[in-house]
Amino acid sequence: MRQQFWILVIESKSAQFDVMSALPQALAYLLAKPPSQQESLGLLVNGREFVFLKLLQQAQYLYSRAFSIEQSEDFCWVLSILKFLSQQTLKADS
């Protein structure tokens, strides 16, 4: 799974860019990778918001709503999801 989790980060000093502006580039990266039986996952980040991305087939994808670190409940969700993904990665490596 470690090789299947792709991260695209928009770097900016201020979080003025909409996190969804990273979607086309992230999809291009996911579509360019070699085919695999495992799901392809991505994460869009702009320093303030997080959006999780899943490539289903070559032309289909899903994405989560934008989670904001400014909302304590959203921040807890993001940490929980990242923790789950790291645990899955560790299981896949052992």
PDB file of N, CA and C in Angstrom:
ATOM      1  N   MET A   1       0.816  -1.186   0.000  1.00  0.00           N
ATOM      2  CA  MET A   1       0.000   0.000   0.000  1.00  0.00           C
ATOM      3  C   MET A   1       0.863   1.253   0.000  1.00  0.00           C
ATOM      4  N   ARG A   2       2.039   1.194   0.545  1.00  0.00           N
ATOM      5  CA  ARG A   2       2.902   2.371   0.615  1.00  0.00           C
ATOM      6  C   ARG A   2       3.133   2.947  -0.774  1.00  0.00           C
ATOM      7  N   GLN A   3       3.309   2.103  -1.774  1.00  0.00           N
ATOM      8  CA  GLN A   3       3.547   2.587  -3.123  1.00  0.00           C
ATOM      9  C   GLN A   3       2.270   3.104  -3.776  1.00  0.00           C
ATOM     10  N   GLN A   4       1.125   2.832  -3.192  1.00  0.00           N
ATOM     11  CA  GLN A   4      -0.142   3.240  -3.781  1.00  0.00           C
ATOM     12  C   GLN A   4      -0.659   4.562  -3.223  1.00  0.00           C
ATOM     13  N   PHE A   5      -0.106   5.049  -2.130  1.00  0.00           N
ATOM     14  CA  PHE A   5      -0.606   6.274  -1.517  1.00  0.00           C
ATOM     15  C   PHE A   5       0.206   7.451  -2.036  1.00  0.00           C
ATOM     16  N   TRP A   6      -0.426   8.273  -2.818  1.00  0.00           N
ATOM     17  CA  TRP A   6       0.228   9.419  -3.438  1.00  0.00           C
ATOM     18  C   TRP A   6      -0.190  10.682  -2.718  1.00  0.00           C
ATOM     19  N   ILE A   7       0.732  11.600  -2.560  1.00  0.00           N
ATOM     20  CA  ILE A   7       0.436  12.855  -1.884  1.00  0.00           C
ATOM     21  C   ILE A   7       0.793  14.014  -2.800  1.00  0.00           C
ATOM     22  N   LEU A   8      -0.114  14.955  -2.915  1.00  0.00           N
ATOM     23  CA  LEU A   8       0.136  16.176  -3.669  1.00  0.00           C
ATOM     24  C   LEU A   8      -0.097  17.334  -2.727  1.00  0.00           C
ATOM     25  N   VAL A   9       0.904  18.161  -2.551  1.00  0.00           N
ATOM     26  CA  VAL A   9       0.807  19.277  -1.629  1.00  0.00           C
ATOM     27  C   VAL A   9       0.919  20.581  -2.402  1.00  0.00           C
ATOM     28  N   ILE A  10      -0.006  21.502  -2.149  1.00  0.00           N
ATOM     29  CA  ILE A  10       0.114  22.849  -2.699  1.00  0.00           C
ATOM     30  C   ILE A  10       0.822  23.680  -1.643  1.00  0.00           C
ATOM     31  N   GLU A  11       2.006  24.161  -1.948  1.00  0.00           N
ATOM     32  CA  GLU A  11       2.750  24.971  -0.993  1.00  0.00           C
ATOM     33  C   GLU A  11       2.432  26.437  -1.210  1.00  0.00           C
ATOM     34  N   SER A  12       2.106  27.112  -0.138  1.00  0.00           N
ATOM     35  CA  SER A  12       1.914  28.558  -0.217  1.00  0.00           C
ATOM     36  C   SER A  12       2.107  29.141   1.168  1.00  0.00           C
ATOM     37  N   LYS A  13       2.545  30.370   1.221  1.00  0.00           N
ATOM     38  CA  LYS A  13       2.729  31.014   2.519  1.00  0.00           C
ATOM     39  C   LYS A  13       1.386  31.324   3.157  1.00  0.00           C
ATOM     40  N   SER A  14       0.419  31.604   2.338  1.00  0.00           N
ATOM     41  CA  SER A  14      -0.942  31.761   2.847  1.00  0.00           C
ATOM     42  C   SER A  14      -1.798  30.703   2.167  1.00  0.00           C
ATOM     43  N   ALA A  15      -2.780  30.223   2.856  1.00  0.00           N
ATOM     44  CA  ALA A  15      -3.617  29.144   2.326  1.00  0.00           C
ATOM     45  C   ALA A  15      -4.737  29.725   1.468  1.00  0.00           C
ATOM     46  N   GLN A  16      -4.376  30.556   0.508  1.00  0.00           N
ATOM     47  CA  GLN A  16      -5.371  31.215  -0.331  1.00  0.00           C
ATOM     48  C   GLN A  16      -5.806  30.361  -1.514  1.00  0.00           C
ATOM     49  N   PHE A  17      -5.029  29.352  -1.859  1.00  0.00           N
ATOM     50  CA  PHE A  17      -5.396  28.493  -2.976  1.00  0.00           C
ATOM     51  C   PHE A  17      -6.469  27.507  -2.538  1.00  0.00           C
ATOM     52  N   ASP A  18      -7.463  27.334  -3.354  1.00  0.00           N
ATOM     53  CA  ASP A  18      -8.490  26.331  -3.091  1.00  0.00           C
ATOM     54  C   ASP A  18      -7.839  24.958  -3.196  1.00  0.00           C
ATOM     55  N   VAL A  19      -8.044  24.120  -2.207  1.00  0.00           N
ATOM     56  CA  VAL A  19      -7.430  22.796  -2.198  1.00  0.00           C
ATOM     57  C   VAL A  19      -7.821  21.995  -3.439  1.00  0.00           C
ATOM     58  N   MET A  20      -9.011  22.229  -3.986  1.00  0.00           N
ATOM     59  CA  MET A  20      -9.465  21.481  -5.156  1.00  0.00           C
ATOM     60  C   MET A  20      -8.713  21.868  -6.429  1.00  0.00           C
ATOM     61  N   SER A  21      -7.966  22.958  -6.397  1.00  0.00           N
ATOM     62  CA  SER A  21      -7.168  23.308  -7.577  1.00  0.00           C
ATOM     63  C   SER A  21      -6.058  22.286  -7.809  1.00  0.00           C
ATOM     64  N   ALA A  22      -5.761  21.458  -6.813  1.00  0.00           N
ATOM     65  CA  ALA A  22      -4.757  20.401  -6.953  1.00  0.00           C
ATOM     66  C   ALA A  22      -5.323  19.129  -7.572  1.00  0.00           C
ATOM     67  N   LEU A  23      -6.639  19.035  -7.704  1.00  0.00           N
ATOM     68  CA  LEU A  23      -7.272  17.804  -8.192  1.00  0.00           C
ATOM     69  C   LEU A  23      -6.790  17.383  -9.579  1.00  0.00           C
ATOM     70  N   PRO A  24      -6.754  18.255 -10.582  1.00  0.00           N
ATOM     71  CA  PRO A  24      -6.306  17.804 -11.906  1.00  0.00           C
ATOM     72  C   PRO A  24      -4.885  17.238 -11.898  1.00  0.00           C
ATOM     73  N   GLN A  25      -3.979  17.885 -11.177  1.00  0.00           N
ATOM     74  CA  GLN A  25      -2.604  17.399 -11.134  1.00  0.00           C
ATOM     75  C   GLN A  25      -2.518  16.067 -10.394  1.00  0.00           C
ATOM     76  N   ALA A  26      -3.246  15.931  -9.305  1.00  0.00           N
ATOM     77  CA  ALA A  26      -3.238  14.672  -8.559  1.00  0.00           C
ATOM     78  C   ALA A  26      -3.787  13.534  -9.411  1.00  0.00           C
ATOM     79  N   LEU A  27      -4.876  13.789 -10.130  1.00  0.00           N
ATOM     80  CA  LEU A  27      -5.437  12.758 -11.012  1.00  0.00           C
ATOM     81  C   LEU A  27      -4.458  12.392 -12.120  1.00  0.00           C
ATOM     82  N   ALA A  28      -3.754  13.366 -12.648  1.00  0.00           N
ATOM     83  CA  ALA A  28      -2.750  13.082 -13.684  1.00  0.00           C
ATOM     84  C   ALA A  28      -1.667  12.161 -13.136  1.00  0.00           C
ATOM     85  N   TYR A  29      -1.198  12.417 -11.915  1.00  0.00           N
ATOM     86  CA  TYR A  29      -0.196  11.547 -11.292  1.00  0.00           C
ATOM     87  C   TYR A  29      -0.753  10.141 -11.081  1.00  0.00           C
ATOM     88  N   LEU A  30      -1.968  10.043 -10.572  1.00  0.00           N
ATOM     89  CA  LEU A  30      -2.564   8.734 -10.314  1.00  0.00           C
ATOM     90  C   LEU A  30      -2.792   7.950 -11.603  1.00  0.00           C
ATOM     91  N   LEU A  31      -3.207   8.628 -12.651  1.00  0.00           N
ATOM     92  CA  LEU A  31      -3.444   7.951 -13.933  1.00  0.00           C
ATOM     93  C   LEU A  31      -2.144   7.546 -14.618  1.00  0.00           C
ATOM     94  N   ALA A  32      -1.049   8.240 -14.304  1.00  0.00           N
ATOM     95  CA  ALA A  32       0.236   7.955 -14.948  1.00  0.00           C
ATOM     96  C   ALA A  32       0.982   6.797 -14.296  1.00  0.00           C
ATOM     97  N   LYS A  33       0.553   6.386 -13.119  1.00  0.00           N
ATOM     98  CA  LYS A  33       1.267   5.307 -12.437  1.00  0.00           C
ATOM     99  C   LYS A  33       0.965   3.964 -13.098  1.00  0.00           C
ATOM    100  N   PRO A  34       1.846   2.993 -12.914  1.00  0.00           N
ATOM    101  CA  PRO A  34       1.599   1.662 -13.483  1.00  0.00           C
ATOM    102  C   PRO A  34       0.321   1.045 -12.915  1.00  0.00           C
ATOM    103  N   PRO A  35      -0.391   0.246 -13.721  1.00  0.00           N
ATOM    104  CA  PRO A  35      -1.618  -0.406 -13.238  1.00  0.00           C
ATOM    105  C   PRO A  35      -1.323  -1.314 -12.043  1.00  0.00           C
ATOM    106  N   SER A  36      -2.309  -1.451 -11.180  1.00  0.00           N
ATOM    107  CA  SER A  36      -2.140  -2.245  -9.969  1.00  0.00           C
ATOM    108  C   SER A  36      -3.486  -2.814  -9.551  1.00  0.00           C
ATOM    109  N   GLN A  37      -3.440  -3.890  -8.778  1.00  0.00           N
ATOM    110  CA  GLN A  37      -4.663  -4.476  -8.238  1.00  0.00           C
ATOM    111  C   GLN A  37      -5.151  -3.698  -7.021  1.00  0.00           C
ATOM    112  N   GLN A  38      -4.236  -2.991  -6.354  1.00  0.00           N
ATOM    113  CA  GLN A  38      -4.615  -2.238  -5.165  1.00  0.00           C
ATOM    114  C   GLN A  38      -5.212  -0.896  -5.553  1.00  0.00           C
ATOM    115  N   GLU A  39      -6.020  -0.351  -4.652  1.00  0.00           N
ATOM    116  CA  GLU A  39      -6.623   0.944  -4.932  1.00  0.00           C
ATOM    117  C   GLU A  39      -5.554   2.037  -4.897  1.00  0.00           C
ATOM    118  N   SER A  40      -5.806   3.071  -5.642  1.00  0.00           N
ATOM    119  CA  SER A  40      -4.900   4.209  -5.680  1.00  0.00           C
ATOM    120  C   SER A  40      -5.519   5.339  -4.875  1.00  0.00           C
ATOM    121  N   LEU A  41      -4.765   5.810  -3.904  1.00  0.00           N
ATOM    122  CA  LEU A  41      -5.261   6.842  -3.008  1.00  0.00           C
ATOM    123  C   LEU A  41      -4.406   8.090  -3.124  1.00  0.00           C
ATOM    124  N   GLY A  42      -5.012   9.225  -2.879  1.00  0.00           N
ATOM    125  CA  GLY A  42      -4.283  10.479  -2.910  1.00  0.00           C
ATOM    126  C   GLY A  42      -4.757  11.397  -1.799  1.00  0.00           C
ATOM    127  N   LEU A  43      -3.983  12.413  -1.548  1.00  0.00           N
ATOM    128  CA  LEU A  43      -4.319  13.402  -0.529  1.00  0.00           C
ATOM    129  C   LEU A  43      -3.986  14.777  -1.075  1.00  0.00           C
ATOM    130  N   LEU A  44      -4.973  15.656  -1.093  1.00  0.00           N
ATOM    131  CA  LEU A  44      -4.783  17.035  -1.516  1.00  0.00           C
ATOM    132  C   LEU A  44      -4.708  17.895  -0.258  1.00  0.00           C
ATOM    133  N   VAL A  45      -3.707  18.765  -0.180  1.00  0.00           N
ATOM    134  CA  VAL A  45      -3.496  19.588   1.007  1.00  0.00           C
ATOM    135  C   VAL A  45      -3.106  20.993   0.581  1.00  0.00           C
ATOM    136  N   ASN A  46      -3.644  21.992   1.261  1.00  0.00           N
ATOM    137  CA  ASN A  46      -3.196  23.360   0.999  1.00  0.00           C
ATOM    138  C   ASN A  46      -2.711  24.054   2.266  1.00  0.00           C
ATOM    139  N   GLY A  47      -2.480  23.297   3.322  1.00  0.00           N
ATOM    140  CA  GLY A  47      -2.027  23.866   4.575  1.00  0.00           C
ATOM    141  C   GLY A  47      -3.168  24.166   5.529  1.00  0.00           C
ATOM    142  N   ARG A  48      -4.370  24.220   5.029  1.00  0.00           N
ATOM    143  CA  ARG A  48      -5.542  24.506   5.852  1.00  0.00           C
ATOM    144  C   ARG A  48      -6.615  23.434   5.674  1.00  0.00           C
ATOM    145  N   GLU A  49      -6.683  22.856   4.478  1.00  0.00           N
ATOM    146  CA  GLU A  49      -7.716  21.871   4.172  1.00  0.00           C
ATOM    147  C   GLU A  49      -7.095  20.590   3.629  1.00  0.00           C
ATOM    148  N   PHE A  50      -7.800  19.487   3.858  1.00  0.00           N
ATOM    149  CA  PHE A  50      -7.388  18.168   3.395  1.00  0.00           C
ATOM    150  C   PHE A  50      -8.542  17.552   2.616  1.00  0.00           C
ATOM    151  N   VAL A  51      -8.240  16.962   1.460  1.00  0.00           N
ATOM    152  CA  VAL A  51      -9.236  16.225   0.680  1.00  0.00           C
ATOM    153  C   VAL A  51      -8.617  14.880   0.319  1.00  0.00           C
ATOM    154  N   PHE A  52      -9.312  13.801   0.651  1.00  0.00           N
ATOM    155  CA  PHE A  52      -8.845  12.458   0.323  1.00  0.00           C
ATOM    156  C   PHE A  52      -9.419  12.056  -1.027  1.00  0.00           C
ATOM    157  N   LEU A  53      -8.616  11.360  -1.813  1.00  0.00           N
ATOM    158  CA  LEU A  53      -8.933  11.037  -3.198  1.00  0.00           C
ATOM    159  C   LEU A  53      -8.737   9.541  -3.410  1.00  0.00           C
ATOM    160  N   LYS A  54      -9.646   8.934  -4.179  1.00  0.00           N
ATOM    161  CA  LYS A  54      -9.544   7.501  -4.488  1.00  0.00           C
ATOM    162  C   LYS A  54      -9.834   7.303  -5.964  1.00  0.00           C
ATOM    163  N   LEU A  55      -8.888   6.699  -6.672  1.00  0.00           N
ATOM    164  CA  LEU A  55      -9.063   6.373  -8.083  1.00  0.00           C
ATOM    165  C   LEU A  55      -9.690   4.989  -8.167  1.00  0.00           C
ATOM    166  N   LEU A  56     -10.875   4.899  -8.776  1.00  0.00           N
ATOM    167  CA  LEU A  56     -11.587   3.624  -8.875  1.00  0.00           C
ATOM    168  C   LEU A  56     -11.154   2.853 -10.109  1.00  0.00           C
ATOM    169  N   GLN A  57     -11.285   3.474 -11.251  1.00  0.00           N
ATOM    170  CA  GLN A  57     -10.853   2.901 -12.516  1.00  0.00           C
ATOM    171  C   GLN A  57     -10.189   4.025 -13.285  1.00  0.00           C
ATOM    172  N   GLN A  58      -9.754   3.746 -14.489  1.00  0.00           N
ATOM    173  CA  GLN A  58      -9.010   4.750 -15.241  1.00  0.00           C
ATOM    174  C   GLN A  58      -9.765   6.060 -15.420  1.00  0.00           C
ATOM    175  N   ALA A  59     -11.062   6.037 -15.439  1.00  0.00           N
ATOM    176  CA  ALA A  59     -11.795   7.281 -15.689  1.00  0.00           C
ATOM    177  C   ALA A  59     -12.750   7.645 -14.558  1.00  0.00           C
ATOM    178  N   GLN A  60     -12.648   6.969 -13.419  1.00  0.00           N
ATOM    179  CA  GLN A  60     -13.569   7.234 -12.321  1.00  0.00           C
ATOM    180  C   GLN A  60     -12.799   7.475 -11.033  1.00  0.00           C
ATOM    181  N   TYR A  61     -13.275   8.435 -10.270  1.00  0.00           N
ATOM    182  CA  TYR A  61     -12.638   8.727  -8.995  1.00  0.00           C
ATOM    183  C   TYR A  61     -13.673   9.262  -8.007  1.00  0.00           C
ATOM    184  N   LEU A  62     -13.319   9.176  -6.746  1.00  0.00           N
ATOM    185  CA  LEU A  62     -14.126   9.725  -5.657  1.00  0.00           C
ATOM    186  C   LEU A  62     -13.241  10.650  -4.842  1.00  0.00           C
ATOM    187  N   TYR A  63     -13.852  11.634  -4.224  1.00  0.00           N
ATOM    188  CA  TYR A  63     -13.090  12.452  -3.289  1.00  0.00           C
ATOM    189  C   TYR A  63     -13.974  12.839  -2.114  1.00  0.00           C
ATOM    190  N   SER A  64     -13.331  13.055  -0.989  1.00  0.00           N
ATOM    191  CA  SER A  64     -14.048  13.424   0.228  1.00  0.00           C
ATOM    192  C   SER A  64     -14.374  14.914   0.202  1.00  0.00           C
ATOM    193  N   ARG A  65     -15.150  15.316   1.149  1.00  0.00           N
ATOM    194  CA  ARG A  65     -15.346  16.752   1.326  1.00  0.00           C
ATOM    195  C   ARG A  65     -14.039  17.336   1.857  1.00  0.00           C
ATOM    196  N   ALA A  66     -13.896  18.623   1.823  1.00  0.00           N
ATOM    197  CA  ALA A  66     -12.699  19.265   2.363  1.00  0.00           C
ATOM    198  C   ALA A  66     -12.795  19.302   3.888  1.00  0.00           C
ATOM    199  N   PHE A  67     -11.801  18.721   4.537  1.00  0.00           N
ATOM    200  CA  PHE A  67     -11.707  18.773   5.991  1.00  0.00           C
ATOM    201  C   PHE A  67     -10.828  19.962   6.357  1.00  0.00           C
ATOM    202  N   SER A  68     -11.264  20.785   7.280  1.00  0.00           N
ATOM    203  CA  SER A  68     -10.527  21.986   7.668  1.00  0.00           C
ATOM    204  C   SER A  68      -9.871  21.798   9.029  1.00  0.00           C
ATOM    205  N   ILE A  69      -8.596  22.186   9.144  1.00  0.00           N
ATOM    206  CA  ILE A  69      -7.932  22.089  10.444  1.00  0.00           C
ATOM    207  C   ILE A  69      -8.458  23.150  11.405  1.00  0.00           C
ATOM    208  N   GLU A  70      -9.226  24.093  10.885  1.00  0.00           N
ATOM    209  CA  GLU A  70      -9.803  25.134  11.734  1.00  0.00           C
ATOM    210  C   GLU A  70     -11.027  24.624  12.502  1.00  0.00           C
ATOM    211  N   GLN A  71     -11.531  23.470  12.121  1.00  0.00           N
ATOM    212  CA  GLN A  71     -12.660  22.841  12.813  1.00  0.00           C
ATOM    213  C   GLN A  71     -12.119  21.657  13.608  1.00  0.00           C
ATOM    214  N   SER A  72     -12.276  21.684  14.915  1.00  0.00           N
ATOM    215  CA  SER A  72     -11.670  20.637  15.752  1.00  0.00           C
ATOM    216  C   SER A  72     -12.167  19.244  15.374  1.00  0.00           C
ATOM    217  N   GLU A  73     -13.446  19.116  15.036  1.00  0.00           N
ATOM    218  CA  GLU A  73     -13.973  17.805  14.647  1.00  0.00           C
ATOM    219  C   GLU A  73     -13.320  17.324  13.348  1.00  0.00           C
ATOM    220  N   ASP A  74     -13.167  18.219  12.380  1.00  0.00           N
ATOM    221  CA  ASP A  74     -12.514  17.859  11.119  1.00  0.00           C
ATOM    222  C   ASP A  74     -11.069  17.450  11.352  1.00  0.00           C
ATOM    223  N   PHE A  75     -10.371  18.190  12.214  1.00  0.00           N
ATOM    224  CA  PHE A  75      -8.971  17.890  12.485  1.00  0.00           C
ATOM    225  C   PHE A  75      -8.834  16.491  13.071  1.00  0.00           C
ATOM    226  N   CYS A  76      -9.744  16.129  13.968  1.00  0.00           N
ATOM    227  CA  CYS A  76      -9.728  14.776  14.547  1.00  0.00           C
ATOM    228  C   CYS A  76      -9.983  13.718  13.478  1.00  0.00           C
ATOM    229  N   TRP A  77     -10.896  13.998  12.541  1.00  0.00           N
ATOM    230  CA  TRP A  77     -11.161  13.058  11.443  1.00  0.00           C
ATOM    231  C   TRP A  77      -9.915  12.861  10.589  1.00  0.00           C
ATOM    232  N   VAL A  78      -9.248  13.959  10.240  1.00  0.00           N
ATOM    233  CA  VAL A  78      -8.039  13.867   9.409  1.00  0.00           C
ATOM    234  C   VAL A  78      -6.984  13.033  10.114  1.00  0.00           C
ATOM    235  N   LEU A  79      -6.752  13.300  11.389  1.00  0.00           N
ATOM    236  CA  LEU A  79      -5.765  12.516  12.136  1.00  0.00           C
ATOM    237  C   LEU A  79      -6.146  11.043  12.190  1.00  0.00           C
ATOM    238  N   SER A  80      -7.421  10.747  12.379  1.00  0.00           N
ATOM    239  CA  SER A  80      -7.882   9.350  12.423  1.00  0.00           C
ATOM    240  C   SER A  80      -7.666   8.646  11.088  1.00  0.00           C
ATOM    241  N   ILE A  81      -7.974   9.328  10.004  1.00  0.00           N
ATOM    242  CA  ILE A  81      -7.799   8.733   8.673  1.00  0.00           C
ATOM    243  C   ILE A  81      -6.324   8.499   8.388  1.00  0.00           C
ATOM    244  N   LEU A  82      -5.476   9.478   8.693  1.00  0.00           N
ATOM    245  CA  LEU A  82      -4.038   9.317   8.466  1.00  0.00           C
ATOM    246  C   LEU A  82      -3.467   8.198   9.335  1.00  0.00           C
ATOM    247  N   LYS A  83      -3.939   8.083  10.559  1.00  0.00           N
ATOM    248  CA  LYS A  83      -3.494   7.002  11.443  1.00  0.00           C
ATOM    249  C   LYS A  83      -3.900   5.650  10.868  1.00  0.00           C
ATOM    250  N   PHE A  84      -5.136   5.540  10.397  1.00  0.00           N
ATOM    251  CA  PHE A  84      -5.609   4.295   9.796  1.00  0.00           C
ATOM    252  C   PHE A  84      -4.753   3.921   8.586  1.00  0.00           C
ATOM    253  N   LEU A  85      -4.479   4.892   7.715  1.00  0.00           N
ATOM    254  CA  LEU A  85      -3.672   4.613   6.524  1.00  0.00           C
ATOM    255  C   LEU A  85      -2.256   4.190   6.896  1.00  0.00           C
ATOM    256  N   SER A  86      -1.678   4.803   7.916  1.00  0.00           N
ATOM    257  CA  SER A  86      -0.328   4.406   8.328  1.00  0.00           C
ATOM    258  C   SER A  86      -0.333   2.989   8.900  1.00  0.00           C
ATOM    259  N   GLN A  87      -1.377   2.629   9.645  1.00  0.00           N
ATOM    260  CA  GLN A  87      -1.478   1.268  10.176  1.00  0.00           C
ATOM    261  C   GLN A  87      -1.632   0.251   9.052  1.00  0.00           C
ATOM    262  N   GLN A  88      -2.404   0.589   8.024  1.00  0.00           N
ATOM    263  CA  GLN A  88      -2.569  -0.304   6.878  1.00  0.00           C
ATOM    264  C   GLN A  88      -1.250  -0.481   6.142  1.00  0.00           C
ATOM    265  N   THR A  89      -0.478   0.592   6.047  1.00  0.00           N
ATOM    266  CA  THR A  89       0.824   0.528   5.390  1.00  0.00           C
ATOM    267  C   THR A  89       1.759  -0.387   6.164  1.00  0.00           C
ATOM    268  N   LEU A  90       1.770  -0.260   7.479  1.00  0.00           N
ATOM    269  CA  LEU A  90       2.624  -1.113   8.305  1.00  0.00           C
ATOM    270  C   LEU A  90       2.215  -2.576   8.197  1.00  0.00           C
ATOM    271  N   LYS A  91       0.916  -2.858   8.154  1.00  0.00           N
ATOM    272  CA  LYS A  91       0.438  -4.235   7.994  1.00  0.00           C
ATOM    273  C   LYS A  91       0.861  -4.808   6.649  1.00  0.00           C
ATOM    274  N   ALA A  92       0.770  -3.998   5.604  1.00  0.00           N
ATOM    275  CA  ALA A  92       1.117  -4.463   4.259  1.00  0.00           C
ATOM    276  C   ALA A  92       2.604  -4.756   4.144  1.00  0.00           C
ATOM    277  N   ASP A  93       3.426  -4.038   4.915  1.00  0.00           N
ATOM    278  CA  ASP A  93       4.875  -4.231   4.850  1.00  0.00           C
ATOM    279  C   ASP A  93       5.349  -5.426   5.661  1.00  0.00           C
ATOM    280  N   SER A  94       4.524  -5.915   6.585  1.00  0.00           N
ATOM    281  CA  SER A  94       4.985  -7.023   7.438  1.00  0.00           C
ATOM    282  C   SER A  94       4.573  -8.363   6.904  1.00  0.00           C
TER     283      SER A  94
END
